[in-house]
């Protein structure tokens, strides 16, 4: 377990954790833990406080995304790549949802960054 894995876990689990916290009446505690992780940069401590699963392995994936250039009268082009952590603190990869919306980093409340596959991509 390292900081990147811990950040990945929090980012992926935060929406569900927030639902459970709301139902269980401990949302203030969750908000405090997440705020501490943002300020200190230590997702490991936050995960320990939230019951981080020690055998966790971050999910990685790749997505195909159509970029529409209709305003320029250009046909859509297939762009291959992956969405990655906008702060580069975890290894989470994700694709757009069924409505084409970009995935979010729940830890830092930001849209994930898209990196096309190929030369020069991180």
PDB file of N, CA and C in Angstrom:
ATOM      1  N   UNK A   1       0.846  -1.178   0.000  1.00  0.00           N
ATOM      2  CA  UNK A   1       0.000   0.000   0.000  1.00  0.00           C
ATOM      3  C   UNK A   1       0.890   1.240   0.000  1.00  0.00           C
ATOM      4  N   UNK A   2       0.609   2.172  -0.896  1.00  0.00           N
ATOM      5  CA  UNK A   2       1.364   3.423  -0.930  1.00  0.00           C
ATOM      6  C   UNK A   2       0.393   4.589  -1.122  1.00  0.00           C
ATOM      7  N   UNK A   3       0.910   5.793  -1.183  1.00  0.00           N
ATOM      8  CA  UNK A   3       0.069   6.984  -1.306  1.00  0.00           C
ATOM      9  C   UNK A   3      -0.786   6.959  -2.568  1.00  0.00           C
ATOM     10  N   UNK A   4      -0.205   6.494  -3.682  1.00  0.00           N
ATOM     11  CA  UNK A   4      -0.966   6.466  -4.938  1.00  0.00           C
ATOM     12  C   UNK A   4      -2.144   5.513  -4.836  1.00  0.00           C
ATOM     13  N   UNK A   5      -1.923   4.332  -4.284  1.00  0.00           N
ATOM     14  CA  UNK A   5      -3.017   3.375  -4.114  1.00  0.00           C
ATOM     15  C   UNK A   5      -4.085   3.939  -3.182  1.00  0.00           C
ATOM     16  N   UNK A   6      -3.649   4.577  -2.107  1.00  0.00           N
ATOM     17  CA  UNK A   6      -4.591   5.154  -1.144  1.00  0.00           C
ATOM     18  C   UNK A   6      -5.409   6.271  -1.794  1.00  0.00           C
ATOM     19  N   UNK A   7      -4.765   7.134  -2.559  1.00  0.00           N
ATOM     20  CA  UNK A   7      -5.483   8.212  -3.254  1.00  0.00           C
ATOM     21  C   UNK A   7      -6.475   7.637  -4.255  1.00  0.00           C
ATOM     22  N   UNK A   8      -6.067   6.587  -4.953  1.00  0.00           N
ATOM     23  CA  UNK A   8      -6.943   5.933  -5.925  1.00  0.00           C
ATOM     24  C   UNK A   8      -8.182   5.378  -5.234  1.00  0.00           C
ATOM     25  N   UNK A   9      -7.972   4.697  -4.115  1.00  0.00           N
ATOM     26  CA  UNK A   9      -9.095   4.096  -3.388  1.00  0.00           C
ATOM     27  C   UNK A   9     -10.082   5.160  -2.928  1.00  0.00           C
ATOM     28  N   UNK A  10      -9.572   6.234  -2.339  1.00  0.00           N
ATOM     29  CA  UNK A  10     -10.464   7.297  -1.867  1.00  0.00           C
ATOM     30  C   UNK A  10     -11.235   7.895  -3.040  1.00  0.00           C
ATOM     31  N   UNK A  11     -10.556   8.193  -4.107  1.00  0.00           N
ATOM     32  CA  UNK A  11     -11.194   8.808  -5.268  1.00  0.00           C
ATOM     33  C   UNK A  11     -12.328   7.928  -5.792  1.00  0.00           C
ATOM     34  N   UNK A  12     -12.083   6.634  -5.877  1.00  0.00           N
ATOM     35  CA  UNK A  12     -13.082   5.722  -6.417  1.00  0.00           C
ATOM     36  C   UNK A  12     -14.224   5.463  -5.435  1.00  0.00           C
ATOM     37  N   UNK A  13     -13.954   5.451  -4.149  1.00  0.00           N
ATOM     38  CA  UNK A  13     -14.953   5.074  -3.153  1.00  0.00           C
ATOM     39  C   UNK A  13     -15.716   6.244  -2.551  1.00  0.00           C
ATOM     40  N   UNK A  14     -15.242   7.467  -2.751  1.00  0.00           N
ATOM     41  CA  UNK A  14     -15.828   8.606  -2.056  1.00  0.00           C
ATOM     42  C   UNK A  14     -17.329   8.800  -2.316  1.00  0.00           C
ATOM     43  N   UNK A  15     -17.833   8.656  -3.544  1.00  0.00           N
ATOM     44  CA  UNK A  15     -19.280   8.818  -3.716  1.00  0.00           C
ATOM     45  C   UNK A  15     -20.082   7.823  -2.863  1.00  0.00           C
ATOM     46  N   UNK A  16     -19.664   6.570  -2.842  1.00  0.00           N
ATOM     47  CA  UNK A  16     -20.365   5.569  -2.030  1.00  0.00           C
ATOM     48  C   UNK A  16     -20.169   5.831  -0.537  1.00  0.00           C
ATOM     49  N   UNK A  17     -18.951   6.188  -0.145  1.00  0.00           N
ATOM     50  CA  UNK A  17     -18.696   6.508   1.256  1.00  0.00           C
ATOM     51  C   UNK A  17     -19.576   7.673   1.709  1.00  0.00           C
ATOM     52  N   UNK A  18     -19.752   8.662   0.835  1.00  0.00           N
ATOM     53  CA  UNK A  18     -20.577   9.821   1.180  1.00  0.00           C
ATOM     54  C   UNK A  18     -22.037   9.398   1.387  1.00  0.00           C
ATOM     55  N   UNK A  19     -22.536   8.492   0.555  1.00  0.00           N
ATOM     56  CA  UNK A  19     -23.905   7.987   0.724  1.00  0.00           C
ATOM     57  C   UNK A  19     -24.061   7.245   2.047  1.00  0.00           C
ATOM     58  N   UNK A  20     -23.093   6.392   2.360  1.00  0.00           N
ATOM     59  CA  UNK A  20     -23.131   5.634   3.614  1.00  0.00           C
ATOM     60  C   UNK A  20     -23.021   6.583   4.805  1.00  0.00           C
ATOM     61  N   UNK A  21     -22.153   7.563   4.693  1.00  0.00           N
ATOM     62  CA  UNK A  21     -21.970   8.530   5.785  1.00  0.00           C
ATOM     63  C   UNK A  21     -23.241   9.346   6.009  1.00  0.00           C
ATOM     64  N   UNK A  22     -23.889   9.751   4.933  1.00  0.00           N
ATOM     65  CA  UNK A  22     -25.155  10.484   5.062  1.00  0.00           C
ATOM     66  C   UNK A  22     -26.202   9.635   5.766  1.00  0.00           C
ATOM     67  N   UNK A  23     -26.306   8.373   5.357  1.00  0.00           N
ATOM     68  CA  UNK A  23     -27.291   7.472   5.961  1.00  0.00           C
ATOM     69  C   UNK A  23     -26.948   7.150   7.412  1.00  0.00           C
ATOM     70  N   UNK A  24     -25.643   7.062   7.707  1.00  0.00           N
ATOM     71  CA  UNK A  24     -25.212   6.679   9.048  1.00  0.00           C
ATOM     72  C   UNK A  24     -24.968   7.834  10.001  1.00  0.00           C
ATOM     73  N   UNK A  25     -25.099   9.050   9.496  1.00  0.00           N
ATOM     74  CA  UNK A  25     -24.940  10.214  10.356  1.00  0.00           C
ATOM     75  C   UNK A  25     -23.500  10.567  10.692  1.00  0.00           C
ATOM     76  N   UNK A  26     -22.538  10.152   9.855  1.00  0.00           N
ATOM     77  CA  UNK A  26     -21.140  10.489  10.134  1.00  0.00           C
ATOM     78  C   UNK A  26     -20.488  11.267   8.987  1.00  0.00           C
ATOM     79  N   UNK A  27     -21.315  12.045   8.255  1.00  0.00           N
ATOM     80  CA  UNK A  27     -20.801  12.819   7.136  1.00  0.00           C
ATOM     81  C   UNK A  27     -19.793  13.884   7.587  1.00  0.00           C
ATOM     82  N   UNK A  28     -19.976  14.464   8.770  1.00  0.00           N
ATOM     83  CA  UNK A  28     -19.019  15.472   9.264  1.00  0.00           C
ATOM     84  C   UNK A  28     -17.652  14.830   9.471  1.00  0.00           C
ATOM     85  N   UNK A  29     -17.631  13.611   9.992  1.00  0.00           N
ATOM     86  CA  UNK A  29     -16.359  12.888  10.182  1.00  0.00           C
ATOM     87  C   UNK A  29     -15.698  12.608   8.830  1.00  0.00           C
ATOM     88  N   UNK A  30     -16.480  12.142   7.854  1.00  0.00           N
ATOM     89  CA  UNK A  30     -15.941  11.881   6.522  1.00  0.00           C
ATOM     90  C   UNK A  30     -15.379  13.159   5.910  1.00  0.00           C
ATOM     91  N   UNK A  31     -16.127  14.249   5.997  1.00  0.00           N
ATOM     92  CA  UNK A  31     -15.648  15.524   5.448  1.00  0.00           C
ATOM     93  C   UNK A  31     -14.337  15.954   6.099  1.00  0.00           C
ATOM     94  N   UNK A  32     -14.224  15.739   7.399  1.00  0.00           N
ATOM     95  CA  UNK A  32     -13.000  16.082   8.128  1.00  0.00           C
ATOM     96  C   UNK A  32     -11.814  15.238   7.635  1.00  0.00           C
ATOM     97  N   UNK A  33     -12.045  13.941   7.440  1.00  0.00           N
ATOM     98  CA  UNK A  33     -10.989  13.039   6.972  1.00  0.00           C
ATOM     99  C   UNK A  33     -10.531  13.424   5.565  1.00  0.00           C
ATOM    100  N   UNK A  34     -11.484  13.720   4.678  1.00  0.00           N
ATOM    101  CA  UNK A  34     -11.149  14.103   3.303  1.00  0.00           C
ATOM    102  C   UNK A  34     -10.434  15.445   3.283  1.00  0.00           C
ATOM    103  N   UNK A  35     -10.914  16.393   4.071  1.00  0.00           N
ATOM    104  CA  UNK A  35     -10.254  17.701   4.151  1.00  0.00           C
ATOM    105  C   UNK A  35      -8.816  17.544   4.647  1.00  0.00           C
ATOM    106  N   UNK A  36      -8.611  16.712   5.672  1.00  0.00           N
ATOM    107  CA  UNK A  36      -7.261  16.463   6.189  1.00  0.00           C
ATOM    108  C   UNK A  36      -6.362  15.875   5.101  1.00  0.00           C
ATOM    109  N   UNK A  37      -6.910  14.959   4.288  1.00  0.00           N
ATOM    110  CA  UNK A  37      -6.121  14.345   3.212  1.00  0.00           C
ATOM    111  C   UNK A  37      -5.733  15.381   2.159  1.00  0.00           C
ATOM    112  N   UNK A  38      -6.647  16.269   1.827  1.00  0.00           N
ATOM    113  CA  UNK A  38      -6.343  17.317   0.844  1.00  0.00           C
ATOM    114  C   UNK A  38      -5.258  18.256   1.351  1.00  0.00           C
ATOM    115  N   UNK A  39      -5.356  18.632   2.621  1.00  0.00           N
ATOM    116  CA  UNK A  39      -4.415  19.593   3.195  1.00  0.00           C
ATOM    117  C   UNK A  39      -3.043  18.965   3.411  1.00  0.00           C
ATOM    118  N   UNK A  40      -3.023  17.761   3.981  1.00  0.00           N
ATOM    119  CA  UNK A  40      -1.750  17.124   4.323  1.00  0.00           C
ATOM    120  C   UNK A  40      -1.121  16.391   3.145  1.00  0.00           C
ATOM    121  N   UNK A  41      -1.944  16.009   2.168  1.00  0.00           N
ATOM    122  CA  UNK A  41      -1.441  15.218   1.052  1.00  0.00           C
ATOM    123  C   UNK A  41      -1.292  13.755   1.400  1.00  0.00           C
ATOM    124  N   UNK A  42      -1.731  13.343   2.592  1.00  0.00           N
ATOM    125  CA  UNK A  42      -1.600  11.945   3.006  1.00  0.00           C
ATOM    126  C   UNK A  42      -2.924  11.205   2.891  1.00  0.00           C
ATOM    127  N   UNK A  43      -3.083  10.528   1.787  1.00  0.00           N
ATOM    128  CA  UNK A  43      -4.262   9.692   1.607  1.00  0.00           C
ATOM    129  C   UNK A  43      -4.143   8.414   2.425  1.00  0.00           C
ATOM    130  N   UNK A  44      -2.913   8.002   2.729  1.00  0.00           N
ATOM    131  CA  UNK A  44      -2.721   6.794   3.542  1.00  0.00           C
ATOM    132  C   UNK A  44      -3.381   6.934   4.905  1.00  0.00           C
ATOM    133  N   UNK A  45      -3.173   8.064   5.547  1.00  0.00           N
ATOM    134  CA  UNK A  45      -3.771   8.284   6.858  1.00  0.00           C
ATOM    135  C   UNK A  45      -5.294   8.278   6.748  1.00  0.00           C
ATOM    136  N   UNK A  46      -5.820   8.922   5.728  1.00  0.00           N
ATOM    137  CA  UNK A  46      -7.270   8.960   5.531  1.00  0.00           C
ATOM    138  C   UNK A  46      -7.821   7.554   5.315  1.00  0.00           C
ATOM    139  N   UNK A  47      -7.126   6.753   4.525  1.00  0.00           N
ATOM    140  CA  UNK A  47      -7.592   5.388   4.264  1.00  0.00           C
ATOM    141  C   UNK A  47      -7.582   4.544   5.532  1.00  0.00           C
ATOM    142  N   UNK A  48      -6.561   4.697   6.332  1.00  0.00           N
ATOM    143  CA  UNK A  48      -6.519   3.954   7.600  1.00  0.00           C
ATOM    144  C   UNK A  48      -7.714   4.328   8.467  1.00  0.00           C
ATOM    145  N   UNK A  49      -8.036   5.614   8.498  1.00  0.00           N
ATOM    146  CA  UNK A  49      -9.162   6.088   9.301  1.00  0.00           C
ATOM    147  C   UNK A  49     -10.500   5.614   8.736  1.00  0.00           C
ATOM    148  N   UNK A  50     -10.534   5.296   7.436  1.00  0.00           N
ATOM    149  CA  UNK A  50     -11.770   4.850   6.792  1.00  0.00           C
ATOM    150  C   UNK A  50     -11.848   3.335   6.603  1.00  0.00           C
ATOM    151  N   UNK A  51     -10.835   2.598   7.048  1.00  0.00           N
ATOM    152  CA  UNK A  51     -10.847   1.147   6.904  1.00  0.00           C
ATOM    153  C   UNK A  51     -10.385   0.673   5.543  1.00  0.00           C
ATOM    154  N   UNK A  52      -9.326   1.274   5.035  1.00  0.00           N
ATOM    155  CA  UNK A  52      -8.727   0.929   3.733  1.00  0.00           C
ATOM    156  C   UNK A  52      -8.490  -0.569   3.612  1.00  0.00           C
ATOM    157  N   UNK A  53      -8.943  -1.207   2.525  1.00  0.00           N
ATOM    158  CA  UNK A  53      -8.694  -2.641   2.340  1.00  0.00           C
ATOM    159  C   UNK A  53      -7.253  -2.887   1.919  1.00  0.00           C
ATOM    160  N   UNK A  54      -6.514  -3.636   2.700  1.00  0.00           N
ATOM    161  CA  UNK A  54      -5.072  -3.816   2.459  1.00  0.00           C
ATOM    162  C   UNK A  54      -4.760  -4.523   1.146  1.00  0.00           C
ATOM    163  N   UNK A  55      -5.666  -5.322   0.618  1.00  0.00           N
ATOM    164  CA  UNK A  55      -5.409  -6.039  -0.627  1.00  0.00           C
ATOM    165  C   UNK A  55      -5.886  -5.312  -1.861  1.00  0.00           C
ATOM    166  N   UNK A  56      -6.179  -4.040  -1.735  1.00  0.00           N
ATOM    167  CA  UNK A  56      -6.738  -3.275  -2.847  1.00  0.00           C
ATOM    168  C   UNK A  56      -5.751  -3.097  -3.987  1.00  0.00           C
ATOM    169  N   UNK A  57      -6.246  -3.228  -5.191  1.00  0.00           N
ATOM    170  CA  UNK A  57      -5.445  -2.979  -6.389  1.00  0.00           C
ATOM    171  C   UNK A  57      -6.198  -1.980  -7.265  1.00  0.00           C
ATOM    172  N   UNK A  58      -5.602  -0.824  -7.569  1.00  0.00           N
ATOM    173  CA  UNK A  58      -6.309   0.193  -8.359  1.00  0.00           C
ATOM    174  C   UNK A  58      -6.756  -0.340  -9.712  1.00  0.00           C
ATOM    175  N   UNK A  59      -7.906   0.112 -10.134  1.00  0.00           N
ATOM    176  CA  UNK A  59      -8.413  -0.261 -11.456  1.00  0.00           C
ATOM    177  C   UNK A  59      -7.777   0.635 -12.497  1.00  0.00           C
ATOM    178  N   UNK A  60      -7.429   0.039 -13.601  1.00  0.00           N
ATOM    179  CA  UNK A  60      -6.880   0.812 -14.708  1.00  0.00           C
ATOM    180  C   UNK A  60      -7.649   0.440 -15.947  1.00  0.00           C
ATOM    181  N   UNK A  61      -7.827   1.368 -16.824  1.00  0.00           N
ATOM    182  CA  UNK A  61      -8.575   1.078 -18.033  1.00  0.00           C
ATOM    183  C   UNK A  61      -8.257   2.065 -19.112  1.00  0.00           C
ATOM    184  N   UNK A  62      -8.806   1.811 -20.244  1.00  0.00           N
ATOM    185  CA  UNK A  62      -8.616   2.712 -21.368  1.00  0.00           C
ATOM    186  C   UNK A  62      -9.976   2.920 -21.991  1.00  0.00           C
ATOM    187  N   UNK A  63     -10.154   4.015 -22.585  1.00  0.00           N
ATOM    188  CA  UNK A  63     -11.447   4.323 -23.186  1.00  0.00           C
ATOM    189  C   UNK A  63     -11.255   4.824 -24.612  1.00  0.00           C
ATOM    190  N   UNK A  64     -12.289   4.659 -25.408  1.00  0.00           N
ATOM    191  CA  UNK A  64     -12.338   5.267 -26.739  1.00  0.00           C
ATOM    192  C   UNK A  64     -13.310   6.430 -26.616  1.00  0.00           C
ATOM    193  N   UNK A  65     -12.920   7.578 -27.082  1.00  0.00           N
ATOM    194  CA  UNK A  65     -13.749   8.766 -26.935  1.00  0.00           C
ATOM    195  C   UNK A  65     -13.910   9.428 -28.295  1.00  0.00           C
ATOM    196  N   UNK A  66     -15.153   9.748 -28.650  1.00  0.00           N
ATOM    197  CA  UNK A  66     -15.403  10.476 -29.884  1.00  0.00           C
ATOM    198  C   UNK A  66     -15.395  11.959 -29.578  1.00  0.00           C
ATOM    199  N   UNK A  67     -14.570  12.701 -30.297  1.00  0.00           N
ATOM    200  CA  UNK A  67     -14.500  14.146 -30.151  1.00  0.00           C
ATOM    201  C   UNK A  67     -15.255  14.740 -31.326  1.00  0.00           C
ATOM    202  N   UNK A  68     -16.300  15.489 -31.036  1.00  0.00           N
ATOM    203  CA  UNK A  68     -17.119  16.070 -32.091  1.00  0.00           C
ATOM    204  C   UNK A  68     -16.534  17.402 -32.545  1.00  0.00           C
ATOM    205  N   UNK A  69     -16.359  17.528 -33.818  1.00  0.00           N
ATOM    206  CA  UNK A  69     -15.871  18.771 -34.411  1.00  0.00           C
ATOM    207  C   UNK A  69     -16.919  19.328 -35.369  1.00  0.00           C
ATOM    208  N   UNK A  70     -18.201  19.050 -35.053  1.00  0.00           N
ATOM    209  CA  UNK A  70     -19.314  19.432 -35.937  1.00  0.00           C
ATOM    210  C   UNK A  70     -19.339  20.924 -36.233  1.00  0.00           C
ATOM    211  N   UNK A  71     -18.968  21.733 -35.251  1.00  0.00           N
ATOM    212  CA  UNK A  71     -18.982  23.176 -35.479  1.00  0.00           C
ATOM    213  C   UNK A  71     -18.017  23.598 -36.574  1.00  0.00           C
ATOM    214  N   UNK A  72     -17.034  22.770 -36.837  1.00  0.00           N
ATOM    215  CA  UNK A  72     -16.048  23.067 -37.877  1.00  0.00           C
ATOM    216  C   UNK A  72     -16.317  22.283 -39.151  1.00  0.00           C
ATOM    217  N   UNK A  73     -17.482  21.590 -39.195  1.00  0.00           N
ATOM    218  CA  UNK A  73     -17.853  20.734 -40.332  1.00  0.00           C
ATOM    219  C   UNK A  73     -16.825  19.644 -40.588  1.00  0.00           C
ATOM    220  N   UNK A  74     -16.317  19.094 -39.499  1.00  0.00           N
ATOM    221  CA  UNK A  74     -15.360  17.988 -39.582  1.00  0.00           C
ATOM    222  C   UNK A  74     -16.014  16.777 -38.937  1.00  0.00           C
ATOM    223  N   UNK A  75     -15.899  15.625 -39.562  1.00  0.00           N
ATOM    224  CA  UNK A  75     -16.472  14.411 -39.001  1.00  0.00           C
ATOM    225  C   UNK A  75     -15.787  14.069 -37.680  1.00  0.00           C
ATOM    226  N   UNK A  76     -16.547  13.430 -36.752  1.00  0.00           N
ATOM    227  CA  UNK A  76     -15.938  13.009 -35.485  1.00  0.00           C
ATOM    228  C   UNK A  76     -14.772  12.058 -35.724  1.00  0.00           C
ATOM    229  N   UNK A  77     -13.802  12.126 -34.847  1.00  0.00           N
ATOM    230  CA  UNK A  77     -12.647  11.236 -34.921  1.00  0.00           C
ATOM    231  C   UNK A  77     -12.549  10.434 -33.627  1.00  0.00           C
ATOM    232  N   UNK A  78     -12.125   9.211 -33.789  1.00  0.00           N
ATOM    233  CA  UNK A  78     -11.941   8.356 -32.636  1.00  0.00           C
ATOM    234  C   UNK A  78     -10.609   8.697 -31.975  1.00  0.00           C
ATOM    235  N   UNK A  79     -10.668   9.014 -30.694  1.00  0.00           N
ATOM    236  CA  UNK A  79      -9.456   9.312 -29.940  1.00  0.00           C
ATOM    237  C   UNK A  79      -9.327   8.253 -28.859  1.00  0.00           C
ATOM    238  N   UNK A  80      -8.211   7.547 -28.850  1.00  0.00           N
ATOM    239  CA  UNK A  80      -7.984   6.520 -27.833  1.00  0.00           C
ATOM    240  C   UNK A  80      -7.107   7.107 -26.737  1.00  0.00           C
ATOM    241  N   UNK A  81      -7.431   6.728 -25.533  1.00  0.00           N
ATOM    242  CA  UNK A  81      -6.648   7.211 -24.416  1.00  0.00           C
ATOM    243  C   UNK A  81      -7.308   6.865 -23.104  1.00  0.00           C
ATOM    244  N   UNK A  82      -6.867   7.518 -22.061  1.00  0.00           N
ATOM    245  CA  UNK A  82      -7.385   7.242 -20.724  1.00  0.00           C
ATOM    246  C   UNK A  82      -7.500   8.534 -19.925  1.00  0.00           C
ATOM    247  N   UNK A  83      -8.504   8.580 -19.076  1.00  0.00           N
ATOM    248  CA  UNK A  83      -8.616   9.670 -18.119  1.00  0.00           C
ATOM    249  C   UNK A  83      -7.762   9.316 -16.921  1.00  0.00           C
ATOM    250  N   UNK A  84      -7.024  10.293 -16.420  1.00  0.00           N
ATOM    251  CA  UNK A  84      -6.108  10.070 -15.304  1.00  0.00           C
ATOM    252  C   UNK A  84      -6.314  11.119 -14.232  1.00  0.00           C
ATOM    253  N   UNK A  85      -5.717  10.857 -13.098  1.00  0.00           N
ATOM    254  CA  UNK A  85      -5.812  11.748 -11.942  1.00  0.00           C
ATOM    255  C   UNK A  85      -5.343  13.159 -12.315  1.00  0.00           C
ATOM    256  N   UNK A  86      -6.158  14.187 -12.034  1.00  0.00           N
ATOM    257  CA  UNK A  86      -5.769  15.551 -12.392  1.00  0.00           C
ATOM    258  C   UNK A  86      -4.629  16.103 -11.538  1.00  0.00           C
ATOM    259  N   UNK A  87      -4.378  15.518 -10.388  1.00  0.00           N
ATOM    260  CA  UNK A  87      -3.289  15.966  -9.511  1.00  0.00           C
ATOM    261  C   UNK A  87      -2.079  15.037  -9.594  1.00  0.00           C
ATOM    262  N   UNK A  88      -2.201  13.953 -10.377  1.00  0.00           N
ATOM    263  CA  UNK A  88      -1.145  12.945 -10.525  1.00  0.00           C
ATOM    264  C   UNK A  88      -0.710  12.371  -9.177  1.00  0.00           C
ATOM    265  N   UNK A  89      -1.688  12.115  -8.295  1.00  0.00           N
ATOM    266  CA  UNK A  89      -1.370  11.524  -6.996  1.00  0.00           C
ATOM    267  C   UNK A  89      -1.853  10.086  -6.893  1.00  0.00           C
ATOM    268  N   UNK A  90      -2.599   9.600  -7.921  1.00  0.00           N
ATOM    269  CA  UNK A  90      -3.058   8.216  -7.880  1.00  0.00           C
ATOM    270  C   UNK A  90      -3.014   7.614  -9.281  1.00  0.00           C
ATOM    271  N   UNK A  91      -3.276   6.322  -9.351  1.00  0.00           N
ATOM    272  CA  UNK A  91      -3.196   5.596 -10.618  1.00  0.00           C
ATOM    273  C   UNK A  91      -4.555   5.281 -11.224  1.00  0.00           C
ATOM    274  N   UNK A  92      -5.604   5.911 -10.731  1.00  0.00           N
ATOM    275  CA  UNK A  92      -6.935   5.626 -11.252  1.00  0.00           C
ATOM    276  C   UNK A  92      -7.026   5.982 -12.727  1.00  0.00           C
ATOM    277  N   UNK A  93      -7.663   5.098 -13.484  1.00  0.00           N
ATOM    278  CA  UNK A  93      -7.984   5.330 -14.888  1.00  0.00           C
ATOM    279  C   UNK A  93      -9.491   5.148 -15.016  1.00  0.00           C
ATOM    280  N   UNK A  94     -10.122   5.910 -15.866  1.00  0.00           N
ATOM    281  CA  UNK A  94     -11.569   5.814 -16.033  1.00  0.00           C
ATOM    282  C   UNK A  94     -11.955   6.244 -17.427  1.00  0.00           C
ATOM    283  N   UNK A  95     -13.175   5.917 -17.792  1.00  0.00           N
ATOM    284  CA  UNK A  95     -13.716   6.332 -19.067  1.00  0.00           C
ATOM    285  C   UNK A  95     -14.917   7.232 -18.857  1.00  0.00           C
ATOM    286  N   UNK A  96     -15.341   7.859 -19.923  1.00  0.00           N
ATOM    287  CA  UNK A  96     -16.543   8.688 -19.862  1.00  0.00           C
ATOM    288  C   UNK A  96     -17.737   7.785 -19.565  1.00  0.00           C
ATOM    289  N   UNK A  97     -18.775   8.343 -18.948  1.00  0.00           N
ATOM    290  CA  UNK A  97     -19.955   7.535 -18.657  1.00  0.00           C
ATOM    291  C   UNK A  97     -20.799   7.384 -19.920  1.00  0.00           C
ATOM    292  N   UNK A  98     -21.941   6.729 -19.791  1.00  0.00           N
ATOM    293  CA  UNK A  98     -22.784   6.440 -20.957  1.00  0.00           C
ATOM    294  C   UNK A  98     -23.326   7.704 -21.624  1.00  0.00           C
ATOM    295  N   UNK A  99     -23.328   8.828 -20.915  1.00  0.00           N
ATOM    296  CA  UNK A  99     -23.765  10.102 -21.490  1.00  0.00           C
ATOM    297  C   UNK A  99     -22.592  10.895 -22.066  1.00  0.00           C
ATOM    298  N   UNK A 100     -21.394  10.328 -22.018  1.00  0.00           N
ATOM    299  CA  UNK A 100     -20.222  11.002 -22.553  1.00  0.00           C
ATOM    300  C   UNK A 100     -19.586  11.996 -21.603  1.00  0.00           C
ATOM    301  N   UNK A 101     -20.019  12.000 -20.345  1.00  0.00           N
ATOM    302  CA  UNK A 101     -19.462  12.933 -19.367  1.00  0.00           C
ATOM    303  C   UNK A 101     -18.113  12.425 -18.852  1.00  0.00           C
ATOM    304  N   UNK A 102     -17.202  13.353 -18.681  1.00  0.00           N
ATOM    305  CA  UNK A 102     -15.870  12.998 -18.194  1.00  0.00           C
ATOM    306  C   UNK A 102     -15.939  12.552 -16.735  1.00  0.00           C
ATOM    307  N   UNK A 103     -15.093  11.589 -16.364  1.00  0.00           N
ATOM    308  CA  UNK A 103     -15.090  11.133 -14.972  1.00  0.00           C
ATOM    309  C   UNK A 103     -14.517  12.189 -14.036  1.00  0.00           C
ATOM    310  N   UNK A 104     -14.879  12.093 -12.762  1.00  0.00           N
ATOM    311  CA  UNK A 104     -14.440  13.062 -11.757  1.00  0.00           C
ATOM    312  C   UNK A 104     -13.483  12.419 -10.768  1.00  0.00           C
ATOM    313  N   UNK A 105     -12.555  13.230 -10.293  1.00  0.00           N
ATOM    314  CA  UNK A 105     -11.718  12.873  -9.153  1.00  0.00           C
ATOM    315  C   UNK A 105     -12.491  13.332  -7.928  1.00  0.00           C
ATOM    316  N   UNK A 106     -12.931  12.386  -7.125  1.00  0.00           N
ATOM    317  CA  UNK A 106     -13.765  12.727  -5.974  1.00  0.00           C
ATOM    318  C   UNK A 106     -12.937  13.244  -4.816  1.00  0.00           C
ATOM    319  N   UNK A 107     -11.689  12.863  -4.752  1.00  0.00           N
ATOM    320  CA  UNK A 107     -10.836  13.341  -3.661  1.00  0.00           C
ATOM    321  C   UNK A 107     -10.593  14.843  -3.789  1.00  0.00           C
ATOM    322  N   UNK A 108     -10.276  15.302  -5.000  1.00  0.00           N
ATOM    323  CA  UNK A 108      -9.972  16.720  -5.205  1.00  0.00           C
ATOM    324  C   UNK A 108     -11.105  17.479  -5.892  1.00  0.00           C
ATOM    325  N   UNK A 109     -12.256  16.813  -6.092  1.00  0.00           N
ATOM    326  CA  UNK A 109     -13.420  17.441  -6.700  1.00  0.00           C
ATOM    327  C   UNK A 109     -13.079  18.149  -8.010  1.00  0.00           C
ATOM    328  N   UNK A 110     -12.480  17.391  -8.916  1.00  0.00           N
ATOM    329  CA  UNK A 110     -12.057  17.941 -10.205  1.00  0.00           C
ATOM    330  C   UNK A 110     -12.326  16.926 -11.309  1.00  0.00           C
ATOM    331  N   UNK A 111     -12.469  17.416 -12.539  1.00  0.00           N
ATOM    332  CA  UNK A 111     -12.590  16.531 -13.689  1.00  0.00           C
ATOM    333  C   UNK A 111     -11.246  15.868 -13.942  1.00  0.00           C
ATOM    334  N   UNK A 112     -11.279  14.573 -14.249  1.00  0.00           N
ATOM    335  CA  UNK A 112     -10.036  13.867 -14.550  1.00  0.00           C
ATOM    336  C   UNK A 112      -9.493  14.345 -15.892  1.00  0.00           C
ATOM    337  N   UNK A 113      -8.186  14.251 -16.082  1.00  0.00           N
ATOM    338  CA  UNK A 113      -7.532  14.700 -17.309  1.00  0.00           C
ATOM    339  C   UNK A 113      -7.499  13.574 -18.339  1.00  0.00           C
ATOM    340  N   UNK A 114      -7.737  13.906 -19.603  1.00  0.00           N
ATOM    341  CA  UNK A 114      -7.697  12.934 -20.690  1.00  0.00           C
ATOM    342  C   UNK A 114      -6.336  12.987 -21.372  1.00  0.00           C
ATOM    343  N   UNK A 115      -5.719  11.820 -21.547  1.00  0.00           N
ATOM    344  CA  UNK A 115      -4.443  11.704 -22.240  1.00  0.00           C
ATOM    345  C   UNK A 115      -4.618  10.745 -23.399  1.00  0.00           C
ATOM    346  N   UNK A 116      -4.474  11.239 -24.627  1.00  0.00           N
ATOM    347  CA  UNK A 116      -4.570  10.340 -25.787  1.00  0.00           C
ATOM    348  C   UNK A 116      -3.457   9.305 -25.771  1.00  0.00           C
ATOM    349  N   UNK A 117      -3.738   8.130 -26.292  1.00  0.00           N
ATOM    350  CA  UNK A 117      -2.700   7.099 -26.431  1.00  0.00           C
ATOM    351  C   UNK A 117      -1.742   7.511 -27.527  1.00  0.00           C
ATOM    352  N   UNK A 118      -0.543   6.973 -27.458  1.00  0.00           N
ATOM    353  CA  UNK A 118       0.415   7.236 -28.513  1.00  0.00           C
ATOM    354  C   UNK A 118       1.654   7.935 -28.005  1.00  0.00           C
ATOM    355  N   UNK A 119       2.461   8.340 -28.949  1.00  0.00           N
ATOM    356  CA  UNK A 119       3.724   8.979 -28.602  1.00  0.00           C
ATOM    357  C   UNK A 119       3.505  10.247 -27.792  1.00  0.00           C
ATOM    358  N   UNK A 120       4.316  10.412 -26.783  1.00  0.00           N
ATOM    359  CA  UNK A 120       4.298  11.624 -25.991  1.00  0.00           C
ATOM    360  C   UNK A 120       3.260  11.651 -24.896  1.00  0.00           C
ATOM    361  N   UNK A 121       2.354  10.669 -24.850  1.00  0.00           N
ATOM    362  CA  UNK A 121       1.357  10.700 -23.779  1.00  0.00           C
ATOM    363  C   UNK A 121       1.959  10.066 -22.532  1.00  0.00           C
ATOM    364  N   UNK A 122       1.590  10.597 -21.357  1.00  0.00           N
ATOM    365  CA  UNK A 122       2.156  10.083 -20.108  1.00  0.00           C
ATOM    366  C   UNK A 122       1.709   8.681 -19.801  1.00  0.00           C
TER     367      UNK A 122
END
